[in-house]
Each structure stands twice: as structure tokens, then as C-alpha cells.
Amino acid sequence: MSDNSHIQLIEGAPTPAVIMNIWAETAAELMTTNLITLHASAPIRAAVFALGEDGPSGAPVLDDDGRLTGFISRTDLVNLMTRLFGQSPPTLDAITVADVMTPAILCVTQETGAAFVVELMLAEDVSRVFVLDSEERVIGVISAVDIMRNAGG
């Protein structure tokens, strides 16, 4: 089992202070559930393919136990390509998703209040948080787009 101490599960009760009205009351109502995931040991080429032109902008990275261990984004891939530029020959075959991913991730439970999620994202200046089930497995993601989709009146 890998050390997931960099995964920070934030739990909070619903809070009345909210910056905008959102229809959802809990993280479960806000989250997107159809996620593309990548295994930490997968070759980086798998991430390039998964996050290609028509794919998502990023994907959660899972360890051998299926638990969240990081997140990889298109920005991570661009940064990698910038570092490798001019190297001969390209070394992509030796690089894994774990080598490139961002390991520090904020997570909430599906019962976490939606207003708390919005406040957390603003306070931590992040564009997404992951939603974990009772076994700490990723079941969804809440992005800024999900919050805008639920904004109203």
C-alpha cells in the first residue's frame, strides 16, 4: 500500500456563508462522476493519449489499491515536454504518470456541504477537489465548471 499522506481529506459541515447561490446542497449533488483515471505506474504516453485534444484537462491518478494518489493535468504534460525539449533521444518510455503528477490534492466526502466546497476551493485557490467514498476511493470531482453549472438565483 502506498503512502497517501499528501492527500488531504477536508470534512466540513454545511455552512450558511456562501458567496453565490448554488442549487446543490452537498458535494454529491455538485460532483461529476464519469472520470477518466490513470494508474500511477502507467507510462506517460497513456496520459498524453487520455488527456488529448478531446479528453479532459486532467485525471486522478490511482495507486495499486485503487486509491487516489495524485492528479495529472495537461499543464503537467506541457511542463514535462518543456523539460525534455532538445534532449536526444526522447525519454518518454521511461517516464511514468507518477513521475509527472501533482501529489498534493484536496478531497471532501460526498456528504460535505456544497457551500463549504465552494469556500474551500476559494480559500485554497484550487480549481477542483475530489470526492471520496467511505473507503477513501475517488467517486467524483468538483470543478469550477460544476459550481458554475449549479449557480442560480
N, C-alpha and C. Protein backbone atom coordinates (compact mmCIF):
# COMPACT_ATOMS: atom_id res chain seq x y z
N MET A 1 0.85 -1.18 0.00
CA MET A 1 0.00 0.00 0.00
C MET A 1 0.89 1.23 0.00
N SER A 2 0.57 2.22 -0.79
CA SER A 2 1.41 3.40 -0.90
C SER A 2 1.07 4.41 0.19
N ASP A 3 1.98 5.35 0.43
CA ASP A 3 1.78 6.40 1.41
C ASP A 3 1.01 7.54 0.76
N ASN A 4 -0.22 7.72 1.19
CA ASN A 4 -1.07 8.77 0.63
C ASN A 4 -1.19 9.94 1.60
N SER A 5 -0.14 10.23 2.37
CA SER A 5 -0.20 11.29 3.36
C SER A 5 -0.33 12.67 2.72
N HIS A 6 -0.07 12.78 1.44
CA HIS A 6 -0.21 14.06 0.75
C HIS A 6 -1.64 14.33 0.29
N ILE A 7 -2.52 13.35 0.48
CA ILE A 7 -3.93 13.52 0.15
C ILE A 7 -4.60 14.08 1.39
N GLN A 8 -5.19 15.25 1.27
CA GLN A 8 -5.79 15.91 2.42
C GLN A 8 -7.31 15.85 2.31
N LEU A 9 -7.92 15.05 3.20
CA LEU A 9 -9.38 14.94 3.23
C LEU A 9 -9.90 16.01 4.16
N ILE A 10 -10.68 16.93 3.63
CA ILE A 10 -11.24 18.03 4.40
C ILE A 10 -12.71 17.72 4.62
N GLU A 11 -13.12 17.67 5.86
CA GLU A 11 -14.53 17.42 6.14
C GLU A 11 -15.10 18.66 6.80
N GLY A 12 -16.28 19.04 6.40
CA GLY A 12 -16.91 20.21 6.98
C GLY A 12 -18.41 20.14 6.88
N ALA A 13 -19.04 20.73 7.85
CA ALA A 13 -20.49 20.79 7.85
C ALA A 13 -20.95 21.85 6.87
N PRO A 14 -22.18 21.74 6.40
CA PRO A 14 -22.71 22.80 5.55
C PRO A 14 -22.61 24.13 6.29
N THR A 15 -22.29 25.14 5.57
CA THR A 15 -22.13 26.46 6.17
C THR A 15 -23.08 27.45 5.52
N PRO A 16 -23.66 28.36 6.30
CA PRO A 16 -24.61 29.31 5.71
C PRO A 16 -23.93 30.41 4.91
N ALA A 17 -22.67 30.67 5.17
CA ALA A 17 -21.97 31.74 4.45
C ALA A 17 -21.55 31.22 3.09
N VAL A 18 -22.12 31.78 2.06
CA VAL A 18 -21.77 31.37 0.71
C VAL A 18 -21.73 32.60 -0.17
N ILE A 19 -20.82 32.62 -1.11
CA ILE A 19 -20.61 33.78 -1.94
C ILE A 19 -21.66 33.90 -3.03
N MET A 20 -22.13 32.78 -3.52
CA MET A 20 -23.18 32.81 -4.53
C MET A 20 -24.17 31.71 -4.23
N ASN A 21 -25.34 31.85 -4.78
CA ASN A 21 -26.35 30.81 -4.59
C ASN A 21 -26.03 29.63 -5.50
N ILE A 22 -26.05 28.45 -4.93
CA ILE A 22 -25.92 27.24 -5.74
C ILE A 22 -27.07 26.32 -5.37
N TRP A 23 -27.55 25.61 -6.37
CA TRP A 23 -28.71 24.73 -6.16
C TRP A 23 -28.34 23.51 -5.33
N ALA A 24 -27.17 23.00 -5.49
CA ALA A 24 -26.75 21.78 -4.79
C ALA A 24 -26.57 22.05 -3.30
N GLU A 25 -26.84 21.04 -2.50
CA GLU A 25 -26.64 21.15 -1.06
C GLU A 25 -25.41 20.39 -0.59
N THR A 26 -25.03 19.34 -1.32
CA THR A 26 -23.89 18.51 -0.90
C THR A 26 -22.91 18.33 -2.07
N ALA A 27 -21.74 17.85 -1.71
CA ALA A 27 -20.73 17.56 -2.72
C ALA A 27 -21.25 16.53 -3.72
N ALA A 28 -22.03 15.56 -3.24
CA ALA A 28 -22.57 14.53 -4.13
C ALA A 28 -23.44 15.13 -5.23
N GLU A 29 -24.14 16.21 -4.92
CA GLU A 29 -25.00 16.86 -5.91
C GLU A 29 -24.22 17.75 -6.88
N LEU A 30 -23.03 18.15 -6.49
CA LEU A 30 -22.19 19.00 -7.33
C LEU A 30 -21.26 18.22 -8.25
N MET A 31 -20.83 17.05 -7.82
CA MET A 31 -19.72 16.36 -8.47
C MET A 31 -20.07 15.78 -9.84
N THR A 32 -19.02 15.65 -10.63
CA THR A 32 -19.05 14.91 -11.89
C THR A 32 -18.51 13.52 -11.58
N THR A 33 -19.19 12.50 -12.09
CA THR A 33 -18.80 11.14 -11.73
C THR A 33 -18.17 10.33 -12.86
N ASN A 34 -18.29 10.76 -14.08
CA ASN A 34 -17.71 9.98 -15.19
C ASN A 34 -16.26 10.42 -15.40
N LEU A 35 -15.38 9.85 -14.58
CA LEU A 35 -13.98 10.24 -14.58
C LEU A 35 -13.12 9.28 -15.40
N ILE A 36 -12.16 9.84 -16.08
CA ILE A 36 -11.08 9.05 -16.66
C ILE A 36 -9.99 9.03 -15.60
N THR A 37 -9.53 7.84 -15.23
CA THR A 37 -8.47 7.72 -14.24
C THR A 37 -7.24 7.09 -14.88
N LEU A 38 -6.10 7.34 -14.27
CA LEU A 38 -4.84 6.75 -14.74
C LEU A 38 -4.15 6.08 -13.56
N HIS A 39 -3.44 5.01 -13.84
CA HIS A 39 -2.68 4.31 -12.81
C HIS A 39 -1.33 4.99 -12.67
N ALA A 40 -0.84 5.09 -11.45
CA ALA A 40 0.43 5.77 -11.18
C ALA A 40 1.60 5.18 -11.97
N SER A 41 1.57 3.86 -12.21
CA SER A 41 2.68 3.22 -12.91
C SER A 41 2.52 3.21 -14.43
N ALA A 42 1.43 3.78 -14.93
CA ALA A 42 1.21 3.81 -16.39
C ALA A 42 2.27 4.67 -17.06
N PRO A 43 2.65 4.32 -18.28
CA PRO A 43 3.61 5.16 -19.00
C PRO A 43 2.99 6.52 -19.30
N ILE A 44 3.81 7.53 -19.34
CA ILE A 44 3.31 8.89 -19.56
C ILE A 44 2.57 9.00 -20.88
N ARG A 45 2.90 8.16 -21.84
CA ARG A 45 2.18 8.17 -23.12
C ARG A 45 0.68 7.91 -22.91
N ALA A 46 0.32 7.12 -21.88
CA ALA A 46 -1.09 6.86 -21.58
C ALA A 46 -1.79 8.16 -21.17
N ALA A 47 -1.10 8.99 -20.42
CA ALA A 47 -1.67 10.29 -20.02
C ALA A 47 -1.81 11.21 -21.21
N VAL A 48 -0.81 11.22 -22.09
CA VAL A 48 -0.88 12.05 -23.29
C VAL A 48 -2.09 11.64 -24.13
N PHE A 49 -2.32 10.36 -24.27
CA PHE A 49 -3.46 9.86 -25.03
C PHE A 49 -4.78 10.21 -24.34
N ALA A 50 -4.86 9.95 -23.03
CA ALA A 50 -6.12 10.16 -22.28
C ALA A 50 -6.50 11.63 -22.20
N LEU A 51 -5.50 12.50 -22.11
CA LEU A 51 -5.77 13.93 -21.95
C LEU A 51 -5.62 14.70 -23.26
N GLY A 52 -5.70 13.96 -24.35
CA GLY A 52 -5.55 14.58 -25.67
C GLY A 52 -6.61 15.62 -25.96
N GLU A 53 -6.65 16.02 -27.19
CA GLU A 53 -7.49 17.12 -27.64
C GLU A 53 -8.95 17.01 -27.20
N ASP A 54 -9.53 15.83 -27.26
CA ASP A 54 -10.93 15.67 -26.90
C ASP A 54 -11.14 15.14 -25.48
N GLY A 55 -10.08 14.93 -24.76
CA GLY A 55 -10.19 14.40 -23.41
C GLY A 55 -10.32 15.49 -22.36
N PRO A 56 -10.40 15.08 -21.11
CA PRO A 56 -10.47 16.05 -20.02
C PRO A 56 -9.15 16.79 -19.86
N SER A 57 -9.15 17.87 -19.11
CA SER A 57 -7.92 18.65 -18.90
C SER A 57 -7.00 18.00 -17.88
N GLY A 58 -7.52 17.01 -17.16
CA GLY A 58 -6.71 16.31 -16.18
C GLY A 58 -7.41 15.05 -15.71
N ALA A 59 -6.68 14.24 -14.94
CA ALA A 59 -7.24 12.97 -14.48
C ALA A 59 -6.67 12.61 -13.11
N PRO A 60 -7.50 12.00 -12.26
CA PRO A 60 -6.98 11.49 -11.00
C PRO A 60 -6.06 10.30 -11.26
N VAL A 61 -5.06 10.17 -10.41
CA VAL A 61 -4.09 9.09 -10.52
C VAL A 61 -4.30 8.15 -9.33
N LEU A 62 -4.44 6.85 -9.63
CA LEU A 62 -4.72 5.86 -8.60
C LEU A 62 -3.51 4.97 -8.34
N ASP A 63 -3.39 4.50 -7.10
CA ASP A 63 -2.31 3.58 -6.75
C ASP A 63 -2.76 2.14 -6.99
N ASP A 64 -1.95 1.18 -6.55
CA ASP A 64 -2.26 -0.24 -6.76
C ASP A 64 -3.53 -0.68 -6.06
N ASP A 65 -3.94 0.03 -5.00
CA ASP A 65 -5.14 -0.30 -4.26
C ASP A 65 -6.37 0.44 -4.78
N GLY A 66 -6.20 1.20 -5.87
CA GLY A 66 -7.32 1.95 -6.43
C GLY A 66 -7.63 3.23 -5.68
N ARG A 67 -6.70 3.65 -4.84
CA ARG A 67 -6.91 4.89 -4.07
C ARG A 67 -6.20 6.05 -4.75
N LEU A 68 -6.75 7.22 -4.52
CA LEU A 68 -6.21 8.44 -5.10
C LEU A 68 -4.83 8.73 -4.56
N THR A 69 -3.88 8.96 -5.47
CA THR A 69 -2.52 9.26 -5.07
C THR A 69 -2.01 10.56 -5.67
N GLY A 70 -2.73 11.10 -6.65
CA GLY A 70 -2.31 12.35 -7.28
C GLY A 70 -3.25 12.76 -8.38
N PHE A 71 -2.82 13.76 -9.11
CA PHE A 71 -3.59 14.30 -10.22
C PHE A 71 -2.62 14.69 -11.31
N ILE A 72 -2.96 14.40 -12.56
CA ILE A 72 -2.11 14.81 -13.68
C ILE A 72 -2.95 15.66 -14.63
N SER A 73 -2.36 16.75 -15.09
CA SER A 73 -3.07 17.67 -15.97
C SER A 73 -2.30 17.89 -17.26
N ARG A 74 -2.97 18.50 -18.20
CA ARG A 74 -2.29 18.87 -19.44
C ARG A 74 -1.11 19.81 -19.14
N THR A 75 -1.27 20.66 -18.16
CA THR A 75 -0.17 21.57 -17.79
C THR A 75 1.04 20.78 -17.32
N ASP A 76 0.81 19.71 -16.55
CA ASP A 76 1.93 18.85 -16.12
C ASP A 76 2.64 18.26 -17.34
N LEU A 77 1.86 17.86 -18.35
CA LEU A 77 2.44 17.27 -19.56
C LEU A 77 3.23 18.31 -20.36
N VAL A 78 2.70 19.52 -20.46
CA VAL A 78 3.42 20.59 -21.17
C VAL A 78 4.73 20.91 -20.44
N ASN A 79 4.67 20.96 -19.11
CA ASN A 79 5.90 21.22 -18.34
C ASN A 79 6.93 20.12 -18.58
N LEU A 80 6.49 18.87 -18.66
CA LEU A 80 7.40 17.76 -18.96
C LEU A 80 8.03 17.94 -20.33
N MET A 81 7.22 18.24 -21.33
CA MET A 81 7.74 18.41 -22.70
C MET A 81 8.75 19.55 -22.76
N THR A 82 8.49 20.60 -22.00
CA THR A 82 9.42 21.73 -21.96
C THR A 82 10.76 21.30 -21.37
N ARG A 83 10.71 20.49 -20.30
CA ARG A 83 11.95 20.00 -19.69
C ARG A 83 12.72 19.08 -20.62
N LEU A 84 11.99 18.29 -21.43
CA LEU A 84 12.64 17.32 -22.32
C LEU A 84 13.06 17.90 -23.66
N PHE A 85 12.60 19.11 -23.96
CA PHE A 85 12.88 19.71 -25.27
C PHE A 85 14.39 19.75 -25.52
N GLY A 86 14.78 19.27 -26.68
CA GLY A 86 16.19 19.30 -27.07
C GLY A 86 16.98 18.09 -26.62
N GLN A 87 16.40 17.24 -25.78
CA GLN A 87 17.11 16.03 -25.37
C GLN A 87 17.03 15.02 -26.50
N SER A 88 18.09 14.28 -26.65
CA SER A 88 18.12 13.29 -27.71
C SER A 88 18.66 11.99 -27.14
N PRO A 89 18.00 10.89 -27.34
CA PRO A 89 16.66 10.72 -27.90
C PRO A 89 15.61 11.01 -26.82
N PRO A 90 14.36 11.19 -27.22
CA PRO A 90 13.30 11.41 -26.24
C PRO A 90 13.23 10.25 -25.25
N THR A 91 12.97 10.57 -24.01
CA THR A 91 12.98 9.56 -22.94
C THR A 91 11.59 9.25 -22.42
N LEU A 92 10.56 9.46 -23.21
CA LEU A 92 9.20 9.27 -22.74
C LEU A 92 8.90 7.85 -22.26
N ASP A 93 9.51 6.86 -22.85
CA ASP A 93 9.20 5.48 -22.48
C ASP A 93 9.60 5.15 -21.04
N ALA A 94 10.53 5.89 -20.49
CA ALA A 94 11.00 5.61 -19.13
C ALA A 94 10.23 6.41 -18.07
N ILE A 95 9.32 7.27 -18.48
CA ILE A 95 8.62 8.16 -17.56
C ILE A 95 7.22 7.61 -17.28
N THR A 96 6.85 7.58 -16.00
CA THR A 96 5.51 7.13 -15.61
C THR A 96 4.64 8.32 -15.20
N VAL A 97 3.36 8.06 -15.10
CA VAL A 97 2.42 9.08 -14.65
C VAL A 97 2.82 9.60 -13.27
N ALA A 98 3.26 8.72 -12.38
CA ALA A 98 3.67 9.12 -11.03
C ALA A 98 4.84 10.10 -11.05
N ASP A 99 5.70 9.99 -12.06
CA ASP A 99 6.85 10.89 -12.17
C ASP A 99 6.44 12.33 -12.46
N VAL A 100 5.25 12.51 -13.03
CA VAL A 100 4.84 13.82 -13.54
C VAL A 100 3.67 14.42 -12.76
N MET A 101 2.89 13.57 -12.10
CA MET A 101 1.65 14.03 -11.44
C MET A 101 1.92 15.01 -10.30
N THR A 102 0.87 15.71 -9.92
CA THR A 102 0.88 16.57 -8.74
C THR A 102 0.36 15.72 -7.59
N PRO A 103 1.17 15.53 -6.54
CA PRO A 103 0.75 14.62 -5.48
C PRO A 103 -0.19 15.23 -4.43
N ALA A 104 -0.18 16.51 -4.24
CA ALA A 104 -0.99 17.12 -3.19
C ALA A 104 -2.39 17.44 -3.72
N ILE A 105 -3.39 16.87 -3.08
CA ILE A 105 -4.76 17.01 -3.56
C ILE A 105 -5.70 17.24 -2.38
N LEU A 106 -6.67 18.13 -2.57
CA LEU A 106 -7.71 18.33 -1.57
C LEU A 106 -8.90 17.44 -1.90
N CYS A 107 -9.47 16.82 -0.88
CA CYS A 107 -10.60 15.92 -1.07
C CYS A 107 -11.67 16.22 -0.04
N VAL A 108 -12.90 15.89 -0.40
CA VAL A 108 -14.04 16.01 0.50
C VAL A 108 -14.83 14.71 0.42
N THR A 109 -15.80 14.55 1.31
CA THR A 109 -16.70 13.41 1.23
C THR A 109 -17.96 13.82 0.48
N GLN A 110 -18.74 12.85 0.07
CA GLN A 110 -19.96 13.17 -0.68
C GLN A 110 -20.99 13.90 0.19
N GLU A 111 -20.87 13.80 1.51
CA GLU A 111 -21.80 14.48 2.42
C GLU A 111 -21.39 15.92 2.72
N THR A 112 -20.18 16.30 2.33
CA THR A 112 -19.70 17.66 2.61
C THR A 112 -20.65 18.67 1.98
N GLY A 113 -20.93 19.73 2.70
CA GLY A 113 -21.82 20.76 2.20
C GLY A 113 -21.27 21.46 0.96
N ALA A 114 -22.14 21.73 0.01
CA ALA A 114 -21.72 22.38 -1.24
C ALA A 114 -21.12 23.76 -0.97
N ALA A 115 -21.72 24.52 -0.06
CA ALA A 115 -21.20 25.85 0.26
C ALA A 115 -19.78 25.74 0.81
N PHE A 116 -19.54 24.73 1.66
CA PHE A 116 -18.20 24.51 2.21
C PHE A 116 -17.20 24.21 1.10
N VAL A 117 -17.61 23.41 0.12
CA VAL A 117 -16.74 23.07 -1.00
C VAL A 117 -16.33 24.34 -1.76
N VAL A 118 -17.30 25.21 -2.03
CA VAL A 118 -17.01 26.46 -2.74
C VAL A 118 -16.03 27.30 -1.93
N GLU A 119 -16.30 27.44 -0.64
CA GLU A 119 -15.41 28.24 0.21
C GLU A 119 -14.00 27.63 0.28
N LEU A 120 -13.92 26.31 0.35
CA LEU A 120 -12.62 25.62 0.39
C LEU A 120 -11.83 25.89 -0.89
N MET A 121 -12.51 25.77 -2.03
CA MET A 121 -11.83 25.98 -3.31
C MET A 121 -11.33 27.42 -3.42
N LEU A 122 -12.12 28.36 -2.96
CA LEU A 122 -11.69 29.76 -3.00
C LEU A 122 -10.54 30.01 -2.03
N ALA A 123 -10.65 29.49 -0.82
CA ALA A 123 -9.61 29.71 0.19
C ALA A 123 -8.28 29.07 -0.20
N GLU A 124 -8.34 27.90 -0.83
CA GLU A 124 -7.12 27.18 -1.20
C GLU A 124 -6.66 27.52 -2.62
N ASP A 125 -7.45 28.32 -3.34
CA ASP A 125 -7.14 28.73 -4.71
C ASP A 125 -6.89 27.53 -5.61
N VAL A 126 -7.86 26.59 -5.59
CA VAL A 126 -7.78 25.41 -6.44
C VAL A 126 -8.99 25.39 -7.37
N SER A 127 -8.84 24.74 -8.50
CA SER A 127 -9.93 24.69 -9.47
C SER A 127 -10.70 23.38 -9.42
N ARG A 128 -10.28 22.45 -8.54
CA ARG A 128 -11.01 21.19 -8.41
C ARG A 128 -10.68 20.54 -7.07
N VAL A 129 -11.66 19.79 -6.56
CA VAL A 129 -11.45 18.93 -5.39
C VAL A 129 -12.06 17.59 -5.73
N PHE A 130 -11.50 16.54 -5.15
CA PHE A 130 -12.01 15.20 -5.41
C PHE A 130 -12.94 14.77 -4.28
N VAL A 131 -13.91 13.95 -4.65
CA VAL A 131 -14.88 13.43 -3.71
C VAL A 131 -14.57 11.96 -3.47
N LEU A 132 -14.42 11.60 -2.19
CA LEU A 132 -14.08 10.23 -1.82
C LEU A 132 -15.25 9.56 -1.13
N ASP A 133 -15.35 8.23 -1.29
CA ASP A 133 -16.37 7.47 -0.58
C ASP A 133 -15.85 7.08 0.80
N SER A 134 -16.60 6.27 1.51
CA SER A 134 -16.23 5.90 2.88
C SER A 134 -14.94 5.07 2.94
N GLU A 135 -14.55 4.46 1.83
CA GLU A 135 -13.30 3.69 1.78
C GLU A 135 -12.15 4.51 1.20
N GLU A 136 -12.38 5.83 1.09
CA GLU A 136 -11.41 6.78 0.56
C GLU A 136 -11.01 6.48 -0.88
N ARG A 137 -11.97 6.05 -1.65
CA ARG A 137 -11.78 5.85 -3.09
C ARG A 137 -12.47 6.99 -3.82
N VAL A 138 -11.83 7.46 -4.88
CA VAL A 138 -12.39 8.60 -5.61
C VAL A 138 -13.67 8.18 -6.35
N ILE A 139 -14.72 8.96 -6.14
CA ILE A 139 -16.00 8.68 -6.81
C ILE A 139 -16.46 9.87 -7.65
N GLY A 140 -15.75 10.98 -7.54
CA GLY A 140 -16.14 12.14 -8.34
C GLY A 140 -15.16 13.28 -8.18
N VAL A 141 -15.42 14.32 -8.94
CA VAL A 141 -14.62 15.54 -8.89
C VAL A 141 -15.57 16.72 -8.96
N ILE A 142 -15.21 17.77 -8.26
CA ILE A 142 -15.95 19.03 -8.35
C ILE A 142 -15.00 20.07 -8.89
N SER A 143 -15.35 20.62 -10.03
CA SER A 143 -14.51 21.65 -10.65
C SER A 143 -15.25 22.98 -10.62
N ALA A 144 -14.55 24.02 -11.01
CA ALA A 144 -15.17 25.33 -11.11
C ALA A 144 -16.35 25.29 -12.08
N VAL A 145 -16.26 24.48 -13.12
CA VAL A 145 -17.36 24.35 -14.08
C VAL A 145 -18.60 23.75 -13.40
N ASP A 146 -18.40 22.75 -12.55
CA ASP A 146 -19.53 22.15 -11.83
C ASP A 146 -20.23 23.19 -10.95
N ILE A 147 -19.45 24.04 -10.31
CA ILE A 147 -20.04 25.07 -9.45
C ILE A 147 -20.81 26.08 -10.30
N MET A 148 -20.24 26.51 -11.40
CA MET A 148 -20.95 27.47 -12.28
C MET A 148 -22.23 26.85 -12.81
N ARG A 149 -22.19 25.56 -13.13
CA ARG A 149 -23.37 24.87 -13.66
C ARG A 149 -24.49 24.87 -12.63
N ASN A 150 -24.15 24.88 -11.35
CA ASN A 150 -25.14 24.84 -10.27
C ASN A 150 -25.46 26.21 -9.68
N ALA A 151 -24.89 27.26 -10.26
CA ALA A 151 -25.17 28.61 -9.76
C ALA A 151 -26.56 29.04 -10.20
N GLY A 152 -27.20 29.75 -9.35
CA GLY A 152 -28.53 30.23 -9.70
C GLY A 152 -28.96 31.37 -8.80
N GLY A 153 -30.13 31.81 -9.08
CA GLY A 153 -30.86 32.86 -8.39
C GLY A 153 -30.16 33.50 -7.32
